[in-house]
Amino acid sequence: MVQTCMNDADRKRVEDFLTKWLGSEGNERANYQTFFAICVWL
């Protein structure tokens, strides 16, 4: 089992980002660097 050190505020920021990113439709390419940076951070 993987333990995470994310708190509720971190989790909320990631959820908000993913919601925005997933709803961006044609703009995914512009956001991919931020998305991958967050994935690495997690």
Protein backbone atom coordinates (compact mmCIF):
# COMPACT_ATOMS: atom_id res chain seq x y z
CA MET A 1 0.00 0.00 0.00
CA VAL A 2 1.30 3.43 -0.96
CA GLN A 3 1.13 6.12 1.67
CA THR A 4 0.48 9.68 0.61
CA CYS A 5 1.48 12.83 2.41
CA MET A 6 -1.19 14.97 0.78
CA ASN A 7 -3.43 16.92 3.08
CA ASP A 8 -7.02 17.96 2.32
CA ALA A 9 -5.94 21.30 0.81
CA ASP A 10 -3.49 19.54 -1.56
CA ARG A 11 -6.12 17.01 -2.53
CA LYS A 12 -8.61 19.81 -3.28
CA ARG A 13 -6.08 21.64 -5.50
CA VAL A 14 -5.39 18.46 -7.47
CA GLU A 15 -9.10 17.72 -7.84
CA ASP A 16 -9.78 21.30 -9.00
CA PHE A 17 -6.92 21.11 -11.50
CA LEU A 18 -8.07 17.76 -12.89
CA THR A 19 -11.65 18.99 -13.21
CA LYS A 20 -10.45 22.06 -15.11
CA TRP A 21 -7.99 20.06 -17.23
CA LEU A 22 -10.48 17.35 -18.15
CA GLY A 23 -13.03 19.98 -19.20
CA SER A 24 -10.58 21.91 -21.37
CA GLU A 25 -11.35 19.85 -24.51
CA GLY A 26 -8.97 21.16 -27.19
CA ASN A 27 -6.52 22.84 -24.82
CA GLU A 28 -4.95 19.72 -23.33
CA ARG A 29 -1.63 20.22 -25.08
CA ALA A 30 -1.17 23.64 -23.51
CA ASN A 31 -1.64 22.16 -20.03
CA TYR A 32 0.29 18.92 -20.28
CA GLN A 33 3.46 20.23 -18.63
CA THR A 34 1.54 21.36 -15.54
CA PHE A 35 -0.34 18.07 -15.46
CA PHE A 36 2.85 16.02 -15.59
CA ALA A 37 4.51 18.25 -12.99
CA ILE A 38 1.64 17.52 -10.63
CA CYS A 39 1.84 13.80 -11.39
CA VAL A 40 5.55 13.79 -10.57
CA TRP A 41 4.88 15.75 -7.40
CA LEU A 42 2.31 13.17 -6.30
